[in-house]
Amino acid sequence: MKLRLARRSASGAVVVAVEGELDLFTAPFLRDEVRDAIKQDGPTLVLDLAALSFMDSSGLSVLIEAYRLAASEGGGVCLASPQAPVARILRTTGLDRRIKVYPDVDTAILRHPE
């Protein structure tokens, strides 16, 4: 499989680790996972991108949808540890100005939501 997801609760937030490639074919899996995580574990979501090697516009759409859904439920989304190619996409599109990006999951949990 091109995408692996793992969810855990941590200090009032739910962390979803995203591993592999996030594209047109795998984005629906993350979309479903985000919806379930917010519904079942609460609207404070940290997406751990340390093992995400690739993301296209479909992945960006899922991040924006996650941000909107969490905000509508009174929470928020932040991103942790994006690799250089993913960080570059976030910067280029300006998404890193809307969704906070942290260097690691622990920092994201401590500071999110700000």
PDB file of N, CA and C in Angstrom:
ATOM      1  N   MET A   1       0.844  -1.190   0.000  1.00  0.00           N
ATOM      2  CA  MET A   1       0.000   0.000   0.000  1.00  0.00           C
ATOM      3  C   MET A   1       0.881   1.243   0.000  1.00  0.00           C
ATOM      4  N   LYS A   2       0.454   2.256  -0.696  1.00  0.00           N
ATOM      5  CA  LYS A   2       1.230   3.483  -0.824  1.00  0.00           C
ATOM      6  C   LYS A   2       1.074   4.405   0.377  1.00  0.00           C
ATOM      7  N   LEU A   3       0.062   4.171   1.230  1.00  0.00           N
ATOM      8  CA  LEU A   3      -0.176   5.054   2.365  1.00  0.00           C
ATOM      9  C   LEU A   3      -0.498   4.220   3.594  1.00  0.00           C
ATOM     10  N   ARG A   4       0.150   4.572   4.707  1.00  0.00           N
ATOM     11  CA  ARG A   4      -0.153   3.925   5.994  1.00  0.00           C
ATOM     12  C   ARG A   4      -0.531   5.018   6.976  1.00  0.00           C
ATOM     13  N   LEU A   5      -1.550   4.735   7.781  1.00  0.00           N
ATOM     14  CA  LEU A   5      -2.029   5.689   8.774  1.00  0.00           C
ATOM     15  C   LEU A   5      -2.068   5.015  10.131  1.00  0.00           C
ATOM     16  N   ALA A   6      -1.711   5.757  11.161  1.00  0.00           N
ATOM     17  CA  ALA A   6      -1.791   5.243  12.532  1.00  0.00           C
ATOM     18  C   ALA A   6      -2.289   6.372  13.422  1.00  0.00           C
ATOM     19  N   ARG A   7      -3.285   6.073  14.260  1.00  0.00           N
ATOM     20  CA  ARG A   7      -3.887   7.094  15.116  1.00  0.00           C
ATOM     21  C   ARG A   7      -3.646   6.759  16.585  1.00  0.00           C
ATOM     22  N   ARG A   8      -3.363   7.815  17.361  1.00  0.00           N
ATOM     23  CA  ARG A   8      -3.218   7.651  18.812  1.00  0.00           C
ATOM     24  C   ARG A   8      -3.647   8.938  19.498  1.00  0.00           C
ATOM     25  N   SER A   9      -4.069   8.809  20.738  1.00  0.00           N
ATOM     26  CA  SER A   9      -4.408   9.987  21.538  1.00  0.00           C
ATOM     27  C   SER A   9      -3.200  10.386  22.360  1.00  0.00           C
ATOM     28  N   ALA A  10      -3.023  11.706  22.544  1.00  0.00           N
ATOM     29  CA  ALA A  10      -1.887  12.203  23.310  1.00  0.00           C
ATOM     30  C   ALA A  10      -2.218  13.569  23.894  1.00  0.00           C
ATOM     31  N   SER A  11      -2.340  13.648  25.205  1.00  0.00           N
ATOM     32  CA  SER A  11      -2.492  14.935  25.913  1.00  0.00           C
ATOM     33  C   SER A  11      -3.585  15.828  25.337  1.00  0.00           C
ATOM     34  N   GLY A  12      -4.762  15.267  25.148  1.00  0.00           N
ATOM     35  CA  GLY A  12      -5.885  16.062  24.678  1.00  0.00           C
ATOM     36  C   GLY A  12      -5.946  16.255  23.175  1.00  0.00           C
ATOM     37  N   ALA A  13      -4.997  15.687  22.462  1.00  0.00           N
ATOM     38  CA  ALA A  13      -4.996  15.781  20.996  1.00  0.00           C
ATOM     39  C   ALA A  13      -5.027  14.373  20.418  1.00  0.00           C
ATOM     40  N   VAL A  14      -5.445  14.289  19.182  1.00  0.00           N
ATOM     41  CA  VAL A  14      -5.337  13.024  18.466  1.00  0.00           C
ATOM     42  C   VAL A  14      -4.260  13.205  17.404  1.00  0.00           C
ATOM     43  N   VAL A  15      -3.326  12.267  17.378  1.00  0.00           N
ATOM     44  CA  VAL A  15      -2.202  12.308  16.440  1.00  0.00           C
ATOM     45  C   VAL A  15      -2.446  11.248  15.368  1.00  0.00           C
ATOM     46  N   VAL A  16      -2.414  11.679  14.118  1.00  0.00           N
ATOM     47  CA  VAL A  16      -2.504  10.744  13.002  1.00  0.00           C
ATOM     48  C   VAL A  16      -1.166  10.788  12.269  1.00  0.00           C
ATOM     49  N   ALA A  17      -0.454   9.669  12.308  1.00  0.00           N
ATOM     50  CA  ALA A  17       0.816   9.555  11.589  1.00  0.00           C
ATOM     51  C   ALA A  17       0.513   9.141  10.150  1.00  0.00           C
ATOM     52  N   VAL A  18       1.082   9.876   9.216  1.00  0.00           N
ATOM     53  CA  VAL A  18       0.835   9.654   7.794  1.00  0.00           C
ATOM     54  C   VAL A  18       2.152   9.217   7.160  1.00  0.00           C
ATOM     55  N   GLU A  19       2.159   8.023   6.559  1.00  0.00           N
ATOM     56  CA  GLU A  19       3.391   7.465   6.004  1.00  0.00           C
ATOM     57  C   GLU A  19       3.177   7.073   4.550  1.00  0.00           C
ATOM     58  N   GLY A  20       4.106   7.461   3.703  1.00  0.00           N
ATOM     59  CA  GLY A  20       4.045   7.056   2.298  1.00  0.00           C
ATOM     60  C   GLY A  20       3.741   8.212   1.381  1.00  0.00           C
ATOM     61  N   GLU A  21       2.803   7.994   0.455  1.00  0.00           N
ATOM     62  CA  GLU A  21       2.475   8.974  -0.570  1.00  0.00           C
ATOM     63  C   GLU A  21       1.009   9.364  -0.470  1.00  0.00           C
ATOM     64  N   LEU A  22       0.771  10.661  -0.465  1.00  0.00           N
ATOM     65  CA  LEU A  22      -0.581  11.194  -0.382  1.00  0.00           C
ATOM     66  C   LEU A  22      -0.932  11.814  -1.729  1.00  0.00           C
ATOM     67  N   ASP A  23      -1.768  11.104  -2.483  1.00  0.00           N
ATOM     68  CA  ASP A  23      -2.102  11.548  -3.835  1.00  0.00           C
ATOM     69  C   ASP A  23      -3.577  11.284  -4.124  1.00  0.00           C
ATOM     70  N   LEU A  24      -3.959  11.395  -5.378  1.00  0.00           N
ATOM     71  CA  LEU A  24      -5.346  11.231  -5.792  1.00  0.00           C
ATOM     72  C   LEU A  24      -5.928   9.901  -5.311  1.00  0.00           C
ATOM     73  N   PHE A  25      -5.132   8.860  -5.308  1.00  0.00           N
ATOM     74  CA  PHE A  25      -5.628   7.534  -4.972  1.00  0.00           C
ATOM     75  C   PHE A  25      -5.659   7.273  -3.472  1.00  0.00           C
ATOM     76  N   THR A  26      -4.741   7.892  -2.723  1.00  0.00           N
ATOM     77  CA  THR A  26      -4.663   7.615  -1.285  1.00  0.00           C
ATOM     78  C   THR A  26      -5.334   8.683  -0.428  1.00  0.00           C
ATOM     79  N   ALA A  27      -5.570   9.867  -0.984  1.00  0.00           N
ATOM     80  CA  ALA A  27      -6.172  10.960  -0.213  1.00  0.00           C
ATOM     81  C   ALA A  27      -7.501  10.578   0.447  1.00  0.00           C
ATOM     82  N   PRO A  28      -8.381   9.808  -0.226  1.00  0.00           N
ATOM     83  CA  PRO A  28      -9.646   9.447   0.432  1.00  0.00           C
ATOM     84  C   PRO A  28      -9.461   8.666   1.737  1.00  0.00           C
ATOM     85  N   PHE A  29      -8.380   7.888   1.841  1.00  0.00           N
ATOM     86  CA  PHE A  29      -8.126   7.145   3.076  1.00  0.00           C
ATOM     87  C   PHE A  29      -7.806   8.095   4.229  1.00  0.00           C
ATOM     88  N   LEU A  30      -6.982   9.113   3.951  1.00  0.00           N
ATOM     89  CA  LEU A  30      -6.675  10.096   4.993  1.00  0.00           C
ATOM     90  C   LEU A  30      -7.919  10.913   5.320  1.00  0.00           C
ATOM     91  N   ARG A  31      -8.692  11.280   4.319  1.00  0.00           N
ATOM     92  CA  ARG A  31      -9.929  12.040   4.548  1.00  0.00           C
ATOM     93  C   ARG A  31     -10.837  11.279   5.517  1.00  0.00           C
ATOM     94  N   ASP A  32     -11.031   9.984   5.282  1.00  0.00           N
ATOM     95  CA  ASP A  32     -11.879   9.169   6.166  1.00  0.00           C
ATOM     96  C   ASP A  32     -11.289   9.077   7.566  1.00  0.00           C
ATOM     97  N   GLU A  33      -9.973   8.899   7.643  1.00  0.00           N
ATOM     98  CA  GLU A  33      -9.306   8.790   8.944  1.00  0.00           C
ATOM     99  C   GLU A  33      -9.455  10.078   9.746  1.00  0.00           C
ATOM    100  N   VAL A  34      -9.293  11.217   9.086  1.00  0.00           N
ATOM    101  CA  VAL A  34      -9.429  12.515   9.755  1.00  0.00           C
ATOM    102  C   VAL A  34     -10.856  12.697  10.276  1.00  0.00           C
ATOM    103  N   ARG A  35     -11.829  12.395   9.448  1.00  0.00           N
ATOM    104  CA  ARG A  35     -13.237  12.513   9.871  1.00  0.00           C
ATOM    105  C   ARG A  35     -13.514  11.628  11.079  1.00  0.00           C
ATOM    106  N   ASP A  36     -13.065  10.377  11.019  1.00  0.00           N
ATOM    107  CA  ASP A  36     -13.273   9.449  12.141  1.00  0.00           C
ATOM    108  C   ASP A  36     -12.551   9.935  13.394  1.00  0.00           C
ATOM    109  N   ALA A  37     -11.327  10.411  13.236  1.00  0.00           N
ATOM    110  CA  ALA A  37     -10.539  10.870  14.386  1.00  0.00           C
ATOM    111  C   ALA A  37     -11.233  12.033  15.082  1.00  0.00           C
ATOM    112  N   ILE A  38     -11.716  12.992  14.308  1.00  0.00           N
ATOM    113  CA  ILE A  38     -12.384  14.161  14.892  1.00  0.00           C
ATOM    114  C   ILE A  38     -13.690  13.747  15.558  1.00  0.00           C
ATOM    115  N   LYS A  39     -14.422  12.863  14.910  1.00  0.00           N
ATOM    116  CA  LYS A  39     -15.706  12.411  15.444  1.00  0.00           C
ATOM    117  C   LYS A  39     -15.528  11.591  16.729  1.00  0.00           C
ATOM    118  N   GLN A  40     -14.544  10.702  16.737  1.00  0.00           N
ATOM    119  CA  GLN A  40     -14.376   9.768  17.846  1.00  0.00           C
ATOM    120  C   GLN A  40     -13.460  10.284  18.957  1.00  0.00           C
ATOM    121  N   ASP A  41     -12.429  11.060  18.591  1.00  0.00           N
ATOM    122  CA  ASP A  41     -11.395  11.433  19.563  1.00  0.00           C
ATOM    123  C   ASP A  41     -11.308  12.919  19.857  1.00  0.00           C
ATOM    124  N   GLY A  42     -12.072  13.737  19.133  1.00  0.00           N
ATOM    125  CA  GLY A  42     -12.059  15.170  19.404  1.00  0.00           C
ATOM    126  C   GLY A  42     -11.420  15.969  18.291  1.00  0.00           C
ATOM    127  N   PRO A  43     -11.692  17.299  18.293  1.00  0.00           N
ATOM    128  CA  PRO A  43     -11.318  18.138  17.166  1.00  0.00           C
ATOM    129  C   PRO A  43      -9.925  18.760  17.212  1.00  0.00           C
ATOM    130  N   THR A  44      -9.079  18.333  18.154  1.00  0.00           N
ATOM    131  CA  THR A  44      -7.704  18.839  18.185  1.00  0.00           C
ATOM    132  C   THR A  44      -6.814  17.776  17.559  1.00  0.00           C
ATOM    133  N   LEU A  45      -6.361  18.064  16.349  1.00  0.00           N
ATOM    134  CA  LEU A  45      -5.712  17.058  15.526  1.00  0.00           C
ATOM    135  C   LEU A  45      -4.289  17.478  15.163  1.00  0.00           C
ATOM    136  N   VAL A  46      -3.351  16.554  15.341  1.00  0.00           N
ATOM    137  CA  VAL A  46      -1.968  16.743  14.901  1.00  0.00           C
ATOM    138  C   VAL A  46      -1.698  15.705  13.818  1.00  0.00           C
ATOM    139  N   LEU A  47      -1.337  16.177  12.643  1.00  0.00           N
ATOM    140  CA  LEU A  47      -0.962  15.265  11.565  1.00  0.00           C
ATOM    141  C   LEU A  47       0.558  15.164  11.533  1.00  0.00           C
ATOM    142  N   ASP A  48       1.059  13.974  11.837  1.00  0.00           N
ATOM    143  CA  ASP A  48       2.495  13.708  11.869  1.00  0.00           C
ATOM    144  C   ASP A  48       2.933  13.331  10.456  1.00  0.00           C
ATOM    145  N   LEU A  49       3.669  14.228   9.815  1.00  0.00           N
ATOM    146  CA  LEU A  49       4.061  14.039   8.419  1.00  0.00           C
ATOM    147  C   LEU A  49       5.511  13.590   8.254  1.00  0.00           C
ATOM    148  N   ALA A  50       6.145  13.156   9.330  1.00  0.00           N
ATOM    149  CA  ALA A  50       7.568  12.787   9.279  1.00  0.00           C
ATOM    150  C   ALA A  50       7.863  11.715   8.242  1.00  0.00           C
ATOM    151  N   ALA A  51       6.936  10.790   8.029  1.00  0.00           N
ATOM    152  CA  ALA A  51       7.168   9.687   7.095  1.00  0.00           C
ATOM    153  C   ALA A  51       6.387   9.853   5.792  1.00  0.00           C
ATOM    154  N   LEU A  52       5.851  11.059   5.562  1.00  0.00           N
ATOM    155  CA  LEU A  52       5.152  11.335   4.307  1.00  0.00           C
ATOM    156  C   LEU A  52       6.177  11.793   3.276  1.00  0.00           C
ATOM    157  N   SER A  53       6.360  11.000   2.233  1.00  0.00           N
ATOM    158  CA  SER A  53       7.419  11.289   1.259  1.00  0.00           C
ATOM    159  C   SER A  53       6.934  12.103   0.061  1.00  0.00           C
ATOM    160  N   PHE A  54       5.612  12.098  -0.179  1.00  0.00           N
ATOM    161  CA  PHE A  54       5.076  12.790  -1.354  1.00  0.00           C
ATOM    162  C   PHE A  54       3.660  13.255  -1.072  1.00  0.00           C
ATOM    163  N   MET A  55       3.321  14.448  -1.578  1.00  0.00           N
ATOM    164  CA  MET A  55       1.952  14.947  -1.471  1.00  0.00           C
ATOM    165  C   MET A  55       1.648  15.807  -2.692  1.00  0.00           C
ATOM    166  N   ASP A  56       0.494  15.570  -3.305  1.00  0.00           N
ATOM    167  CA  ASP A  56       0.071  16.404  -4.427  1.00  0.00           C
ATOM    168  C   ASP A  56      -1.136  17.247  -4.017  1.00  0.00           C
ATOM    169  N   SER A  57      -1.796  17.855  -4.995  1.00  0.00           N
ATOM    170  CA  SER A  57      -2.916  18.751  -4.695  1.00  0.00           C
ATOM    171  C   SER A  57      -4.072  18.036  -4.005  1.00  0.00           C
ATOM    172  N   SER A  58      -4.233  16.751  -4.249  1.00  0.00           N
ATOM    173  CA  SER A  58      -5.288  15.995  -3.562  1.00  0.00           C
ATOM    174  C   SER A  58      -5.005  15.943  -2.063  1.00  0.00           C
ATOM    175  N   GLY A  59      -3.749  15.792  -1.703  1.00  0.00           N
ATOM    176  CA  GLY A  59      -3.356  15.799  -0.304  1.00  0.00           C
ATOM    177  C   GLY A  59      -3.578  17.156   0.333  1.00  0.00           C
ATOM    178  N   LEU A  60      -3.239  18.212  -0.394  1.00  0.00           N
ATOM    179  CA  LEU A  60      -3.488  19.568   0.107  1.00  0.00           C
ATOM    180  C   LEU A  60      -4.972  19.779   0.377  1.00  0.00           C
ATOM    181  N   SER A  61      -5.807  19.280  -0.510  1.00  0.00           N
ATOM    182  CA  SER A  61      -7.258  19.408  -0.326  1.00  0.00           C
ATOM    183  C   SER A  61      -7.717  18.734   0.957  1.00  0.00           C
ATOM    184  N   VAL A  62      -7.149  17.579   1.256  1.00  0.00           N
ATOM    185  CA  VAL A  62      -7.512  16.877   2.496  1.00  0.00           C
ATOM    186  C   VAL A  62      -7.079  17.691   3.714  1.00  0.00           C
ATOM    187  N   LEU A  63      -5.890  18.293   3.666  1.00  0.00           N
ATOM    188  CA  LEU A  63      -5.428  19.112   4.791  1.00  0.00           C
ATOM    189  C   LEU A  63      -6.357  20.301   5.013  1.00  0.00           C
ATOM    190  N   ILE A  64      -6.775  20.946   3.941  1.00  0.00           N
ATOM    191  CA  ILE A  64      -7.687  22.088   4.057  1.00  0.00           C
ATOM    192  C   ILE A  64      -9.034  21.637   4.611  1.00  0.00           C
ATOM    193  N   GLU A  65      -9.529  20.515   4.125  1.00  0.00           N
ATOM    194  CA  GLU A  65     -10.799  19.988   4.624  1.00  0.00           C
ATOM    195  C   GLU A  65     -10.687  19.632   6.112  1.00  0.00           C
ATOM    196  N   ALA A  66      -9.576  19.040   6.511  1.00  0.00           N
ATOM    197  CA  ALA A  66      -9.365  18.697   7.924  1.00  0.00           C
ATOM    198  C   ALA A  66      -9.363  19.957   8.781  1.00  0.00           C
ATOM    199  N   TYR A  67      -8.683  20.987   8.307  1.00  0.00           N
ATOM    200  CA  TYR A  67      -8.624  22.267   9.012  1.00  0.00           C
ATOM    201  C   TYR A  67     -10.024  22.837   9.218  1.00  0.00           C
ATOM    202  N   ARG A  68     -10.820  22.854   8.165  1.00  0.00           N
ATOM    203  CA  ARG A  68     -12.178  23.404   8.241  1.00  0.00           C
ATOM    204  C   ARG A  68     -13.071  22.576   9.154  1.00  0.00           C
ATOM    205  N   LEU A  69     -12.974  21.257   9.043  1.00  0.00           N
ATOM    206  CA  LEU A  69     -13.813  20.383   9.863  1.00  0.00           C
ATOM    207  C   LEU A  69     -13.468  20.533  11.337  1.00  0.00           C
ATOM    208  N   ALA A  70     -12.183  20.511  11.665  1.00  0.00           N
ATOM    209  CA  ALA A  70     -11.767  20.652  13.063  1.00  0.00           C
ATOM    210  C   ALA A  70     -12.193  22.007  13.623  1.00  0.00           C
ATOM    211  N   ALA A  71     -12.020  23.060  12.831  1.00  0.00           N
ATOM    212  CA  ALA A  71     -12.406  24.401  13.277  1.00  0.00           C
ATOM    213  C   ALA A  71     -13.910  24.482  13.514  1.00  0.00           C
ATOM    214  N   SER A  72     -14.701  23.840  12.665  1.00  0.00           N
ATOM    215  CA  SER A  72     -16.159  23.875  12.823  1.00  0.00           C
ATOM    216  C   SER A  72     -16.609  23.137  14.073  1.00  0.00           C
ATOM    217  N   GLU A  73     -15.756  22.252  14.581  1.00  0.00           N
ATOM    218  CA  GLU A  73     -16.056  21.492  15.800  1.00  0.00           C
ATOM    219  C   GLU A  73     -15.408  22.126  17.030  1.00  0.00           C
ATOM    220  N   GLY A  74     -14.808  23.304  16.854  1.00  0.00           N
ATOM    221  CA  GLY A  74     -14.203  24.009  17.979  1.00  0.00           C
ATOM    222  C   GLY A  74     -12.760  23.645  18.255  1.00  0.00           C
ATOM    223  N   GLY A  75     -12.122  22.972  17.331  1.00  0.00           N
ATOM    224  CA  GLY A  75     -10.732  22.566  17.524  1.00  0.00           C
ATOM    225  C   GLY A  75      -9.829  23.149  16.455  1.00  0.00           C
ATOM    226  N   GLY A  76      -8.838  22.379  16.056  1.00  0.00           N
ATOM    227  CA  GLY A  76      -7.915  22.837  15.041  1.00  0.00           C
ATOM    228  C   GLY A  76      -6.996  21.715  14.604  1.00  0.00           C
ATOM    229  N   VAL A  77      -6.289  21.979  13.529  1.00  0.00           N
ATOM    230  CA  VAL A  77      -5.336  21.024  12.970  1.00  0.00           C
ATOM    231  C   VAL A  77      -3.977  21.693  12.917  1.00  0.00           C
ATOM    232  N   CYS A  78      -2.933  20.945  13.213  1.00  0.00           N
ATOM    233  CA  CYS A  78      -1.578  21.408  12.943  1.00  0.00           C
ATOM    234  C   CYS A  78      -0.789  20.252  12.350  1.00  0.00           C
ATOM    235  N   LEU A  79       0.349  20.587  11.792  1.00  0.00           N
ATOM    236  CA  LEU A  79       1.185  19.616  11.109  1.00  0.00           C
ATOM    237  C   LEU A  79       2.520  19.513  11.833  1.00  0.00           C
ATOM    238  N   ALA A  80       3.085  18.313  11.852  1.00  0.00           N
ATOM    239  CA  ALA A  80       4.366  18.104  12.520  1.00  0.00           C
ATOM    240  C   ALA A  80       5.340  17.404  11.585  1.00  0.00           C
ATOM    241  N   SER A  81       6.574  17.853  11.604  1.00  0.00           N
ATOM    242  CA  SER A  81       7.712  17.180  10.978  1.00  0.00           C
ATOM    243  C   SER A  81       7.613  16.912   9.488  1.00  0.00           C
ATOM    244  N   PRO A  82       7.125  17.854   8.685  1.00  0.00           N
ATOM    245  CA  PRO A  82       7.094  17.539   7.252  1.00  0.00           C
ATOM    246  C   PRO A  82       8.502  17.430   6.673  1.00  0.00           C
ATOM    247  N   GLN A  83       8.708  16.443   5.807  1.00  0.00           N
ATOM    248  CA  GLN A  83       9.971  16.306   5.087  1.00  0.00           C
ATOM    249  C   GLN A  83      10.093  17.461   4.100  1.00  0.00           C
ATOM    250  N   ALA A  84      11.293  17.715   3.623  1.00  0.00           N
ATOM    251  CA  ALA A  84      11.565  18.861   2.757  1.00  0.00           C
ATOM    252  C   ALA A  84      10.621  18.986   1.557  1.00  0.00           C
ATOM    253  N   PRO A  85      10.358  17.906   0.791  1.00  0.00           N
ATOM    254  CA  PRO A  85       9.471  18.074  -0.370  1.00  0.00           C
ATOM    255  C   PRO A  85       8.054  18.505   0.030  1.00  0.00           C
ATOM    256  N   VAL A  86       7.556  17.961   1.121  1.00  0.00           N
ATOM    257  CA  VAL A  86       6.209  18.304   1.592  1.00  0.00           C
ATOM    258  C   VAL A  86       6.206  19.721   2.170  1.00  0.00           C
ATOM    259  N   ALA A  87       7.228  20.062   2.934  1.00  0.00           N
ATOM    260  CA  ALA A  87       7.333  21.413   3.499  1.00  0.00           C
ATOM    261  C   ALA A  87       7.385  22.456   2.379  1.00  0.00           C
ATOM    262  N   ARG A  88       8.068  22.126   1.304  1.00  0.00           N
ATOM    263  CA  ARG A  88       8.171  23.046   0.166  1.00  0.00           C
ATOM    264  C   ARG A  88       6.792  23.299  -0.448  1.00  0.00           C
ATOM    265  N   ILE A  89       5.983  22.257  -0.592  1.00  0.00           N
ATOM    266  CA  ILE A  89       4.624  22.411  -1.131  1.00  0.00           C
ATOM    267  C   ILE A  89       3.782  23.272  -0.189  1.00  0.00           C
ATOM    268  N   LEU A  90       3.898  23.033   1.105  1.00  0.00           N
ATOM    269  CA  LEU A  90       3.136  23.821   2.082  1.00  0.00           C
ATOM    270  C   LEU A  90       3.525  25.297   1.993  1.00  0.00           C
ATOM    271  N   ARG A  91       4.821  25.554   1.847  1.00  0.00           N
ATOM    272  CA  ARG A  91       5.323  26.932   1.741  1.00  0.00           C
ATOM    273  C   ARG A  91       4.890  27.581   0.431  1.00  0.00           C
ATOM    274  N   THR A  92       5.057  26.863  -0.658  1.00  0.00           N
ATOM    275  CA  THR A  92       4.735  27.394  -1.988  1.00  0.00           C
ATOM    276  C   THR A  92       3.267  27.777  -2.104  1.00  0.00           C
ATOM    277  N   THR A  93       2.399  26.962  -1.537  1.00  0.00           N
ATOM    278  CA  THR A  93       0.959  27.211  -1.621  1.00  0.00           C
ATOM    279  C   THR A  93       0.477  28.190  -0.556  1.00  0.00           C
ATOM    280  N   GLY A  94       1.327  28.482   0.442  1.00  0.00           N
ATOM    281  CA  GLY A  94       0.930  29.364   1.531  1.00  0.00           C
ATOM    282  C   GLY A  94       0.121  28.670   2.605  1.00  0.00           C
ATOM    283  N   LEU A  95      -0.060  27.362   2.481  1.00  0.00           N
ATOM    284  CA  LEU A  95      -0.860  26.634   3.474  1.00  0.00           C
ATOM    285  C   LEU A  95      -0.207  26.662   4.856  1.00  0.00           C
ATOM    286  N   ASP A  96       1.125  26.795   4.877  1.00  0.00           N
ATOM    287  CA  ASP A  96       1.825  26.854   6.164  1.00  0.00           C
ATOM    288  C   ASP A  96       1.531  28.147   6.923  1.00  0.00           C
ATOM    289  N   ARG A  97       0.898  29.119   6.268  1.00  0.00           N
ATOM    290  CA  ARG A  97       0.486  30.337   6.974  1.00  0.00           C
ATOM    291  C   ARG A  97      -0.900  30.188   7.583  1.00  0.00           C
ATOM    292  N   ARG A  98      -1.653  29.226   7.094  1.00  0.00           N
ATOM    293  CA  ARG A  98      -2.990  28.981   7.636  1.00  0.00           C
ATOM    294  C   ARG A  98      -2.968  27.853   8.674  1.00  0.00           C
ATOM    295  N   ILE A  99      -2.269  26.783   8.360  1.00  0.00           N
ATOM    296  CA  ILE A  99      -2.162  25.638   9.269  1.00  0.00           C
ATOM    297  C   ILE A  99      -0.764  25.657   9.867  1.00  0.00           C
ATOM    298  N   LYS A 100      -0.683  25.721  11.190  1.00  0.00           N
ATOM    299  CA  LYS A 100       0.621  25.793  11.859  1.00  0.00           C
ATOM    300  C   LYS A 100       1.426  24.521  11.617  1.00  0.00           C
ATOM    301  N   VAL A 101       2.723  24.720  11.424  1.00  0.00           N
ATOM    302  CA  VAL A 101       3.654  23.612  11.197  1.00  0.00           C
ATOM    303  C   VAL A 101       4.686  23.642  12.313  1.00  0.00           C
ATOM    304  N   TYR A 102       4.885  22.494  12.961  1.00  0.00           N
ATOM    305  CA  TYR A 102       5.836  22.369  14.064  1.00  0.00           C
ATOM    306  C   TYR A 102       6.940  21.379  13.700  1.00  0.00           C
ATOM    307  N   PRO A 103       8.112  21.512  14.347  1.00  0.00           N
ATOM    308  CA  PRO A 103       9.246  20.643  13.994  1.00  0.00           C
ATOM    309  C   PRO A 103       9.065  19.189  14.412  1.00  0.00           C
ATOM    310  N   ASP A 104       8.209  18.933  15.411  1.00  0.00           N
ATOM    311  CA  ASP A 104       7.992  17.559  15.856  1.00  0.00           C
ATOM    312  C   ASP A 104       6.630  17.442  16.545  1.00  0.00           C
ATOM    313  N   VAL A 105       6.208  16.223  16.753  1.00  0.00           N
ATOM    314  CA  VAL A 105       4.886  15.957  17.330  1.00  0.00           C
ATOM    315  C   VAL A 105       4.786  16.486  18.756  1.00  0.00           C
ATOM    316  N   ASP A 106       5.808  16.289  19.564  1.00  0.00           N
ATOM    317  CA  ASP A 106       5.752  16.741  20.962  1.00  0.00           C
ATOM    318  C   ASP A 106       5.530  18.247  21.048  1.00  0.00           C
ATOM    319  N   THR A 107       6.237  19.009  20.239  1.00  0.00           N
ATOM    320  CA  THR A 107       6.059  20.464  20.219  1.00  0.00           C
ATOM    321  C   THR A 107       4.656  20.818  19.745  1.00  0.00           C
ATOM    322  N   ALA A 108       4.172  20.113  18.734  1.00  0.00           N
ATOM    323  CA  ALA A 108       2.829  20.370  18.219  1.00  0.00           C
ATOM    324  C   ALA A 108       1.774  20.128  19.303  1.00  0.00           C
ATOM    325  N   ILE A 109       1.923  19.065  20.056  1.00  0.00           N
ATOM    326  CA  ILE A 109       0.955  18.745  21.119  1.00  0.00           C
ATOM    327  C   ILE A 109       1.008  19.819  22.214  1.00  0.00           C
ATOM    328  N   LEU A 110       2.208  20.247  22.576  1.00  0.00           N
ATOM    329  CA  LEU A 110       2.352  21.252  23.635  1.00  0.00           C
ATOM    330  C   LEU A 110       1.788  22.608  23.246  1.00  0.00           C
ATOM    331  N   ARG A 111       1.988  22.998  22.011  1.00  0.00           N
ATOM    332  CA  ARG A 111       1.633  24.361  21.579  1.00  0.00           C
ATOM    333  C   ARG A 111       0.301  24.474  20.876  1.00  0.00           C
ATOM    334  N   HIS A 112      -0.287  23.386  20.511  1.00  0.00           N
ATOM    335  CA  HIS A 112      -1.522  23.411  19.720  1.00  0.00           C
ATOM    336  C   HIS A 112      -2.711  23.110  20.607  1.00  0.00           C
ATOM    337  N   PRO A 113      -3.831  23.801  20.503  1.00  0.00           N
ATOM    338  CA  PRO A 113      -4.003  24.974  19.656  1.00  0.00           C
ATOM    339  C   PRO A 113      -3.488  26.235  20.349  1.00  0.00           C
ATOM    340  N   GLU A 114      -2.950  27.137  19.558  1.00  0.00           N
ATOM    341  CA  GLU A 114      -2.484  28.418  20.100  1.00  0.00           C
ATOM    342  C   GLU A 114      -3.501  29.478  19.760  1.00  0.00           C
TER     343      GLU A 114
END
